[in-house]
Amino acid sequence: MACAVGGCAGCTVRVEEPTGPAMRRVCVDGPVFP
């Protein structure tokens, strides 16, 4: 990751949400995920 505060979106990963696939930022949406 570059910024670690959600601005650059360089650490995004694909996750499966109830509404379908989505891209989430590891730095601020994670790093912990189900």
All heavy atoms as atom14 arrays in JSON, in Angstrom:
{
  "sequence": "MACAVGGCAGCTVRVEEPTGPAMRRVCVDGPVFP",
  "atom14_mask": [
    [1, 1, 1, 1, 1, 1, 1, 1, 0, 0, 0, 0, 0, 0],
    [1, 1, 1, 1, 1, 0, 0, 0, 0, 0, 0, 0, 0, 0],
    [1, 1, 1, 1, 1, 1, 0, 0, 0, 0, 0, 0, 0, 0],
    [1, 1, 1, 1, 1, 0, 0, 0, 0, 0, 0, 0, 0, 0],
    [1, 1, 1, 1, 1, 1, 1, 0, 0, 0, 0, 0, 0, 0],
    [1, 1, 1, 1, 0, 0, 0, 0, 0, 0, 0, 0, 0, 0],
    [1, 1, 1, 1, 0, 0, 0, 0, 0, 0, 0, 0, 0, 0],
    [1, 1, 1, 1, 1, 1, 0, 0, 0, 0, 0, 0, 0, 0],
    [1, 1, 1, 1, 1, 0, 0, 0, 0, 0, 0, 0, 0, 0],
    [1, 1, 1, 1, 0, 0, 0, 0, 0, 0, 0, 0, 0, 0],
    [1, 1, 1, 1, 1, 1, 0, 0, 0, 0, 0, 0, 0, 0],
    [1, 1, 1, 1, 1, 1, 1, 0, 0, 0, 0, 0, 0, 0],
    [1, 1, 1, 1, 1, 1, 1, 0, 0, 0, 0, 0, 0, 0],
    [1, 1, 1, 1, 1, 1, 1, 1, 1, 1, 1, 0, 0, 0],
    [1, 1, 1, 1, 1, 1, 1, 0, 0, 0, 0, 0, 0, 0],
    [1, 1, 1, 1, 1, 1, 1, 1, 1, 0, 0, 0, 0, 0],
    [1, 1, 1, 1, 1, 1, 1, 1, 1, 0, 0, 0, 0, 0],
    [1, 1, 1, 1, 1, 1, 1, 0, 0, 0, 0, 0, 0, 0],
    [1, 1, 1, 1, 1, 1, 1, 0, 0, 0, 0, 0, 0, 0],
    [1, 1, 1, 1, 0, 0, 0, 0, 0, 0, 0, 0, 0, 0],
    [1, 1, 1, 1, 1, 1, 1, 0, 0, 0, 0, 0, 0, 0],
    [1, 1, 1, 1, 1, 0, 0, 0, 0, 0, 0, 0, 0, 0],
    [1, 1, 1, 1, 1, 1, 1, 1, 0, 0, 0, 0, 0, 0],
    [1, 1, 1, 1, 1, 1, 1, 1, 1, 1, 1, 0, 0, 0],
    [1, 1, 1, 1, 1, 1, 1, 1, 1, 1, 1, 0, 0, 0],
    [1, 1, 1, 1, 1, 1, 1, 0, 0, 0, 0, 0, 0, 0],
    [1, 1, 1, 1, 1, 1, 0, 0, 0, 0, 0, 0, 0, 0],
    [1, 1, 1, 1, 1, 1, 1, 0, 0, 0, 0, 0, 0, 0],
    [1, 1, 1, 1, 1, 1, 1, 1, 0, 0, 0, 0, 0, 0],
    [1, 1, 1, 1, 0, 0, 0, 0, 0, 0, 0, 0, 0, 0],
    [1, 1, 1, 1, 1, 1, 1, 0, 0, 0, 0, 0, 0, 0],
    [1, 1, 1, 1, 1, 1, 1, 0, 0, 0, 0, 0, 0, 0],
    [1, 1, 1, 1, 1, 1, 1, 1, 1, 1, 1, 0, 0, 0],
    [1, 1, 1, 1, 1, 1, 1, 0, 0, 0, 0, 0, 0, 0]
  ],
  "atom14_positions": [
    [[0.84, -1.19, 0.0], [0.0, 0.0, 0.0], [0.88, 1.24, 0.0], [2.01, 1.22, 0.49], [-0.95, -0.02, 1.2], [-0.3, -0.13, 2.55], [-1.51, -0.3, 3.9], [-2.24, -1.91, 3.55], [0.0, 0.0, 0.0], [0.0, 0.0, 0.0], [0.0, 0.0, 0.0], [0.0, 0.0, 0.0], [0.0, 0.0, 0.0], [0.0, 0.0, 0.0]],
    [[0.32, 2.31, -0.57], [1.07, 3.57, -0.63], [0.66, 4.53, 0.48], [1.48, 4.95, 1.28], [0.86, 4.22, -2.0], [0.0, 0.0, 0.0], [0.0, 0.0, 0.0], [0.0, 0.0, 0.0], [0.0, 0.0, 0.0], [0.0, 0.0, 0.0], [0.0, 0.0, 0.0], [0.0, 0.0, 0.0], [0.0, 0.0, 0.0], [0.0, 0.0, 0.0]],
    [[-0.64, 4.86, 0.54], [-1.05, 5.88, 1.5], [-1.5, 5.32, 2.84], [-1.36, 5.95, 3.87], [-2.14, 6.76, 0.9], [-3.77, 5.97, 0.8], [0.0, 0.0, 0.0], [0.0, 0.0, 0.0], [0.0, 0.0, 0.0], [0.0, 0.0, 0.0], [0.0, 0.0, 0.0], [0.0, 0.0, 0.0], [0.0, 0.0, 0.0], [0.0, 0.0, 0.0]],
    [[-2.14, 4.14, 2.83], [-2.64, 3.46, 4.04], [-3.83, 4.15, 4.69], [-4.24, 3.78, 5.78], [-1.54, 3.24, 5.06], [0.0, 0.0, 0.0], [0.0, 0.0, 0.0], [0.0, 0.0, 0.0], [0.0, 0.0, 0.0], [0.0, 0.0, 0.0], [0.0, 0.0, 0.0], [0.0, 0.0, 0.0], [0.0, 0.0, 0.0], [0.0, 0.0, 0.0]],
    [[-4.41, 5.16, 4.03], [-5.55, 5.86, 4.61], [-6.75, 5.86, 3.67], [-7.69, 6.62, 3.86], [-5.19, 7.3, 5.02], [-4.18, 7.29, 6.16], [-4.63, 8.09, 3.83], [0.0, 0.0, 0.0], [0.0, 0.0, 0.0], [0.0, 0.0, 0.0], [0.0, 0.0, 0.0], [0.0, 0.0, 0.0], [0.0, 0.0, 0.0], [0.0, 0.0, 0.0]],
    [[-6.71, 5.02, 2.63], [-7.86, 4.86, 1.77], [-7.93, 5.75, 0.56], [-8.87, 5.67, -0.22], [0.0, 0.0, 0.0], [0.0, 0.0, 0.0], [0.0, 0.0, 0.0], [0.0, 0.0, 0.0], [0.0, 0.0, 0.0], [0.0, 0.0, 0.0], [0.0, 0.0, 0.0], [0.0, 0.0, 0.0], [0.0, 0.0, 0.0], [0.0, 0.0, 0.0]],
    [[-6.94, 6.62, 0.38], [-7.0, 7.57, -0.71], [-6.53, 7.04, -2.05], [-7.07, 7.4, -3.1], [0.0, 0.0, 0.0], [0.0, 0.0, 0.0], [0.0, 0.0, 0.0], [0.0, 0.0, 0.0], [0.0, 0.0, 0.0], [0.0, 0.0, 0.0], [0.0, 0.0, 0.0], [0.0, 0.0, 0.0], [0.0, 0.0, 0.0], [0.0, 0.0, 0.0]],
    [[-5.5, 6.17, -2.04], [-4.9, 5.77, -3.31], [-5.56, 4.53, -3.91], [-5.4, 4.26, -5.09], [-3.41, 5.51, -3.13], [-3.0, 4.04, -2.17], [0.0, 0.0, 0.0], [0.0, 0.0, 0.0], [0.0, 0.0, 0.0], [0.0, 0.0, 0.0], [0.0, 0.0, 0.0], [0.0, 0.0, 0.0], [0.0, 0.0, 0.0], [0.0, 0.0, 0.0]],
    [[-6.26, 3.74, -3.1], [-6.92, 2.51, -3.57], [-5.92, 1.53, -4.17], [-6.27, 0.69, -4.99], [-8.02, 2.83, -4.58], [0.0, 0.0, 0.0], [0.0, 0.0, 0.0], [0.0, 0.0, 0.0], [0.0, 0.0, 0.0], [0.0, 0.0, 0.0], [0.0, 0.0, 0.0], [0.0, 0.0, 0.0], [0.0, 0.0, 0.0], [0.0, 0.0, 0.0]],
    [[-4.65, 1.6, -3.72], [-3.65, 0.68, -4.23], [-3.66, -0.68, -3.57], [-2.96, -1.59, -4.02], [0.0, 0.0, 0.0], [0.0, 0.0, 0.0], [0.0, 0.0, 0.0], [0.0, 0.0, 0.0], [0.0, 0.0, 0.0], [0.0, 0.0, 0.0], [0.0, 0.0, 0.0], [0.0, 0.0, 0.0], [0.0, 0.0, 0.0], [0.0, 0.0, 0.0]],
    [[-4.42, -0.84, -2.5], [-4.43, -2.11, -1.76], [-5.78, -2.81, -1.85], [-6.15, -3.56, -0.94], [-4.05, -1.87, -0.3], [-5.19, -0.78, 0.59], [0.0, 0.0, 0.0], [0.0, 0.0, 0.0], [0.0, 0.0, 0.0], [0.0, 0.0, 0.0], [0.0, 0.0, 0.0], [0.0, 0.0, 0.0], [0.0, 0.0, 0.0], [0.0, 0.0, 0.0]],
    [[-6.52, -2.57, -2.9], [-7.86, -3.15, -3.0], [-7.8, -4.65, -3.28], [-6.9, -5.15, -3.95], [-8.68, -2.47, -4.12], [-7.93, -2.52, -5.34], [-8.98, -1.03, -3.76], [0.0, 0.0, 0.0], [0.0, 0.0, 0.0], [0.0, 0.0, 0.0], [0.0, 0.0, 0.0], [0.0, 0.0, 0.0], [0.0, 0.0, 0.0], [0.0, 0.0, 0.0]],
    [[-8.78, -5.36, -2.72], [-8.95, -6.79, -2.96], [-10.41, -7.05, -3.29], [-11.3, -6.3, -2.88], [-8.53, -7.63, -1.74], [-7.04, -7.52, -1.48], [-9.33, -7.23, -0.5], [0.0, 0.0, 0.0], [0.0, 0.0, 0.0], [0.0, 0.0, 0.0], [0.0, 0.0, 0.0], [0.0, 0.0, 0.0], [0.0, 0.0, 0.0], [0.0, 0.0, 0.0]],
    [[-10.65, -8.13, -4.02], [-12.02, -8.51, -4.34], [-12.62, -9.31, -3.2], [-12.0, -10.26, -2.7], [-12.03, -9.34, -5.62], [-13.41, -9.86, -6.01], [-13.3, -10.76, -7.23], [-14.51, -11.53, -7.45], [-15.27, -11.48, -8.55], [-14.92, -10.67, -9.53], [-16.33, -12.23, -8.67], [0.0, 0.0, 0.0], [0.0, 0.0, 0.0], [0.0, 0.0, 0.0]],
    [[-13.8, -8.94, -2.78], [-14.53, -9.68, -1.74], [-15.95, -9.91, -2.22], [-16.46, -9.19, -3.09], [-14.53, -8.92, -0.4], [-13.12, -8.68, 0.11], [-15.27, -7.6, -0.51], [0.0, 0.0, 0.0], [0.0, 0.0, 0.0], [0.0, 0.0, 0.0], [0.0, 0.0, 0.0], [0.0, 0.0, 0.0], [0.0, 0.0, 0.0], [0.0, 0.0, 0.0]],
    [[-16.55, -10.92, -1.65], [-17.95, -11.25, -1.98], [-18.87, -10.64, -0.94], [-18.88, -11.05, 0.21], [-18.14, -12.77, -2.03], [-17.36, -13.46, -3.13], [-17.83, -13.06, -4.52], [-19.04, -12.76, -4.68], [-16.99, -13.02, -5.43], [0.0, 0.0, 0.0], [0.0, 0.0, 0.0], [0.0, 0.0, 0.0], [0.0, 0.0, 0.0], [0.0, 0.0, 0.0]],
    [[-19.61, -9.63, -1.33], [-20.59, -8.99, -0.45], [-21.96, -9.63, -0.69], [-22.17, -10.32, -1.7], [-20.66, -7.49, -0.74], [-19.34, -6.76, -0.53], [-19.02, -6.54, 0.93], [-19.8, -7.01, 1.79], [-18.0, -5.89, 1.22], [0.0, 0.0, 0.0], [0.0, 0.0, 0.0], [0.0, 0.0, 0.0], [0.0, 0.0, 0.0], [0.0, 0.0, 0.0]],
    [[-22.93, -9.43, 0.22], [-24.27, -9.96, 0.0], [-24.89, -9.51, -1.32], [-25.71, -10.21, -1.91], [-25.06, -9.42, 1.2], [-24.03, -9.23, 2.27], [-22.79, -8.81, 1.55], [0.0, 0.0, 0.0], [0.0, 0.0, 0.0], [0.0, 0.0, 0.0], [0.0, 0.0, 0.0], [0.0, 0.0, 0.0], [0.0, 0.0, 0.0], [0.0, 0.0, 0.0]],
    [[-24.47, -8.34, -1.8], [-25.01, -7.82, -3.06], [-24.19, -8.23, -4.28], [-24.54, -7.88, -5.41], [-25.07, -6.28, -3.0], [-23.77, -5.78, -2.68], [-26.07, -5.83, -1.94], [0.0, 0.0, 0.0], [0.0, 0.0, 0.0], [0.0, 0.0, 0.0], [0.0, 0.0, 0.0], [0.0, 0.0, 0.0], [0.0, 0.0, 0.0], [0.0, 0.0, 0.0]],
    [[-23.08, -8.97, -4.06], [-22.24, -9.39, -5.17], [-20.8, -9.0, -4.96], [-20.42, -8.43, -3.92], [0.0, 0.0, 0.0], [0.0, 0.0, 0.0], [0.0, 0.0, 0.0], [0.0, 0.0, 0.0], [0.0, 0.0, 0.0], [0.0, 0.0, 0.0], [0.0, 0.0, 0.0], [0.0, 0.0, 0.0], [0.0, 0.0, 0.0], [0.0, 0.0, 0.0]],
    [[-19.92, -9.29, -5.94], [-18.5, -8.97, -5.81], [-18.28, -7.47, -5.66], [-18.99, -6.65, -6.24], [-17.89, -9.49, -7.12], [-18.89, -10.46, -7.66], [-20.22, -9.97, -7.22], [0.0, 0.0, 0.0], [0.0, 0.0, 0.0], [0.0, 0.0, 0.0], [0.0, 0.0, 0.0], [0.0, 0.0, 0.0], [0.0, 0.0, 0.0], [0.0, 0.0, 0.0]],
    [[-17.26, -7.12, -4.86], [-16.92, -5.72, -4.65], [-15.43, -5.62, -4.39], [-14.78, -6.59, -4.01], [-17.71, -5.14, -3.48], [0.0, 0.0, 0.0], [0.0, 0.0, 0.0], [0.0, 0.0, 0.0], [0.0, 0.0, 0.0], [0.0, 0.0, 0.0], [0.0, 0.0, 0.0], [0.0, 0.0, 0.0], [0.0, 0.0, 0.0], [0.0, 0.0, 0.0]],
    [[-14.88, -4.44, -4.62], [-13.48, -4.17, -4.32], [-13.41, -3.39, -3.01], [-14.1, -2.38, -2.85], [-12.82, -3.39, -5.45], [-12.86, -4.1, -6.8], [-12.08, -5.73, -6.8], [-10.35, -5.28, -6.52], [0.0, 0.0, 0.0], [0.0, 0.0, 0.0], [0.0, 0.0, 0.0], [0.0, 0.0, 0.0], [0.0, 0.0, 0.0], [0.0, 0.0, 0.0]],
    [[-12.6, -3.87, -2.1], [-12.45, -3.22, -0.8], [-10.98, -2.92, -0.52], [-10.09, -3.65, -0.94], [-13.02, -4.12, 0.31], [-14.53, -4.31, 0.22], [-15.25, -3.04, 0.62], [-16.7, -3.16, 0.52], [-17.44, -2.6, -0.43], [-16.86, -1.87, -1.38], [-18.75, -2.74, -0.45], [0.0, 0.0, 0.0], [0.0, 0.0, 0.0], [0.0, 0.0, 0.0]],
    [[-10.75, -1.83, 0.2], [-9.39, -1.4, 0.53], [-8.93, -2.11, 1.81], [-9.6, -2.03, 2.84], [-9.34, 0.1, 0.73], [-9.76, 0.91, -0.5], [-10.15, 2.33, -0.13], [-11.31, 2.35, 0.75], [-11.84, 3.45, 1.29], [-11.31, 4.62, 1.0], [-12.88, 3.39, 2.08], [0.0, 0.0, 0.0], [0.0, 0.0, 0.0], [0.0, 0.0, 0.0]],
    [[-7.78, -2.78, 1.72], [-7.26, -3.5, 2.88], [-6.93, -2.54, 4.02], [-7.15, -2.86, 5.19], [-6.02, -4.34, 2.49], [-5.29, -4.87, 3.73], [-6.42, -5.5, 1.59], [0.0, 0.0, 0.0], [0.0, 0.0, 0.0], [0.0, 0.0, 0.0], [0.0, 0.0, 0.0], [0.0, 0.0, 0.0], [0.0, 0.0, 0.0], [0.0, 0.0, 0.0]],
    [[-6.47, -1.34, 3.7], [-6.01, -0.43, 4.75], [-7.12, 0.03, 5.68], [-6.96, -0.01, 6.9], [-5.27, 0.75, 4.15], [-6.25, 1.79, 3.05], [0.0, 0.0, 0.0], [0.0, 0.0, 0.0], [0.0, 0.0, 0.0], [0.0, 0.0, 0.0], [0.0, 0.0, 0.0], [0.0, 0.0, 0.0], [0.0, 0.0, 0.0], [0.0, 0.0, 0.0]],
    [[-8.24, 0.47, 5.15], [-9.28, 1.05, 6.0], [-10.57, 0.23, 6.04], [-11.31, 0.29, 7.02], [-9.6, 2.5, 5.58], [-8.42, 3.41, 5.89], [-9.98, 2.6, 4.12], [0.0, 0.0, 0.0], [0.0, 0.0, 0.0], [0.0, 0.0, 0.0], [0.0, 0.0, 0.0], [0.0, 0.0, 0.0], [0.0, 0.0, 0.0], [0.0, 0.0, 0.0]],
    [[-10.88, -0.53, 4.98], [-12.03, -1.44, 5.04], [-11.64, -2.71, 5.79], [-12.49, -3.41, 6.32], [-12.52, -1.79, 3.64], [-12.99, -0.57, 2.87], [-13.61, 0.3, 3.5], [-12.73, -0.49, 1.66], [0.0, 0.0, 0.0], [0.0, 0.0, 0.0], [0.0, 0.0, 0.0], [0.0, 0.0, 0.0], [0.0, 0.0, 0.0], [0.0, 0.0, 0.0]],
    [[-10.36, -3.03, 5.79], [-9.78, -4.16, 6.5], [-8.77, -3.6, 7.5], [-8.93, -2.48, 7.96], [0.0, 0.0, 0.0], [0.0, 0.0, 0.0], [0.0, 0.0, 0.0], [0.0, 0.0, 0.0], [0.0, 0.0, 0.0], [0.0, 0.0, 0.0], [0.0, 0.0, 0.0], [0.0, 0.0, 0.0], [0.0, 0.0, 0.0], [0.0, 0.0, 0.0]],
    [[-7.7, -4.35, 7.8], [-7.29, -5.57, 7.1], [-8.07, -6.81, 7.48], [-7.91, -7.86, 6.87], [-5.82, -5.71, 7.53], [-5.77, -5.1, 8.89], [-6.71, -3.94, 8.84], [0.0, 0.0, 0.0], [0.0, 0.0, 0.0], [0.0, 0.0, 0.0], [0.0, 0.0, 0.0], [0.0, 0.0, 0.0], [0.0, 0.0, 0.0], [0.0, 0.0, 0.0]],
    [[-8.96, -6.71, 8.5], [-9.72, -7.88, 8.96], [-11.02, -7.99, 8.18], [-11.79, -7.02, 8.1], [-9.98, -7.79, 10.47], [-10.85, -8.95, 10.93], [-8.66, -7.77, 11.24], [0.0, 0.0, 0.0], [0.0, 0.0, 0.0], [0.0, 0.0, 0.0], [0.0, 0.0, 0.0], [0.0, 0.0, 0.0], [0.0, 0.0, 0.0], [0.0, 0.0, 0.0]],
    [[-11.26, -9.18, 7.62], [-12.49, -9.46, 6.87], [-13.03, -10.83, 7.28], [-12.26, -11.71, 7.67], [-12.22, -9.51, 5.36], [-11.8, -8.21, 4.74], [-10.46, -7.88, 4.62], [-12.75, -7.32, 4.26], [-10.06, -6.69, 4.04], [-12.36, -6.12, 3.67], [-11.02, -5.8, 3.56], [0.0, 0.0, 0.0], [0.0, 0.0, 0.0], [0.0, 0.0, 0.0]],
    [[-14.35, -11.05, 7.16], [-14.87, -12.41, 7.31], [-14.29, -13.29, 6.21], [-14.27, -12.91, 5.04], [-16.38, -12.23, 7.14], [-16.64, -10.78, 7.35], [-15.42, -10.06, 6.89], [0.0, 0.0, 0.0], [0.0, 0.0, 0.0], [0.0, 0.0, 0.0], [0.0, 0.0, 0.0], [0.0, 0.0, 0.0], [0.0, 0.0, 0.0], [0.0, 0.0, 0.0]]
  ]
}
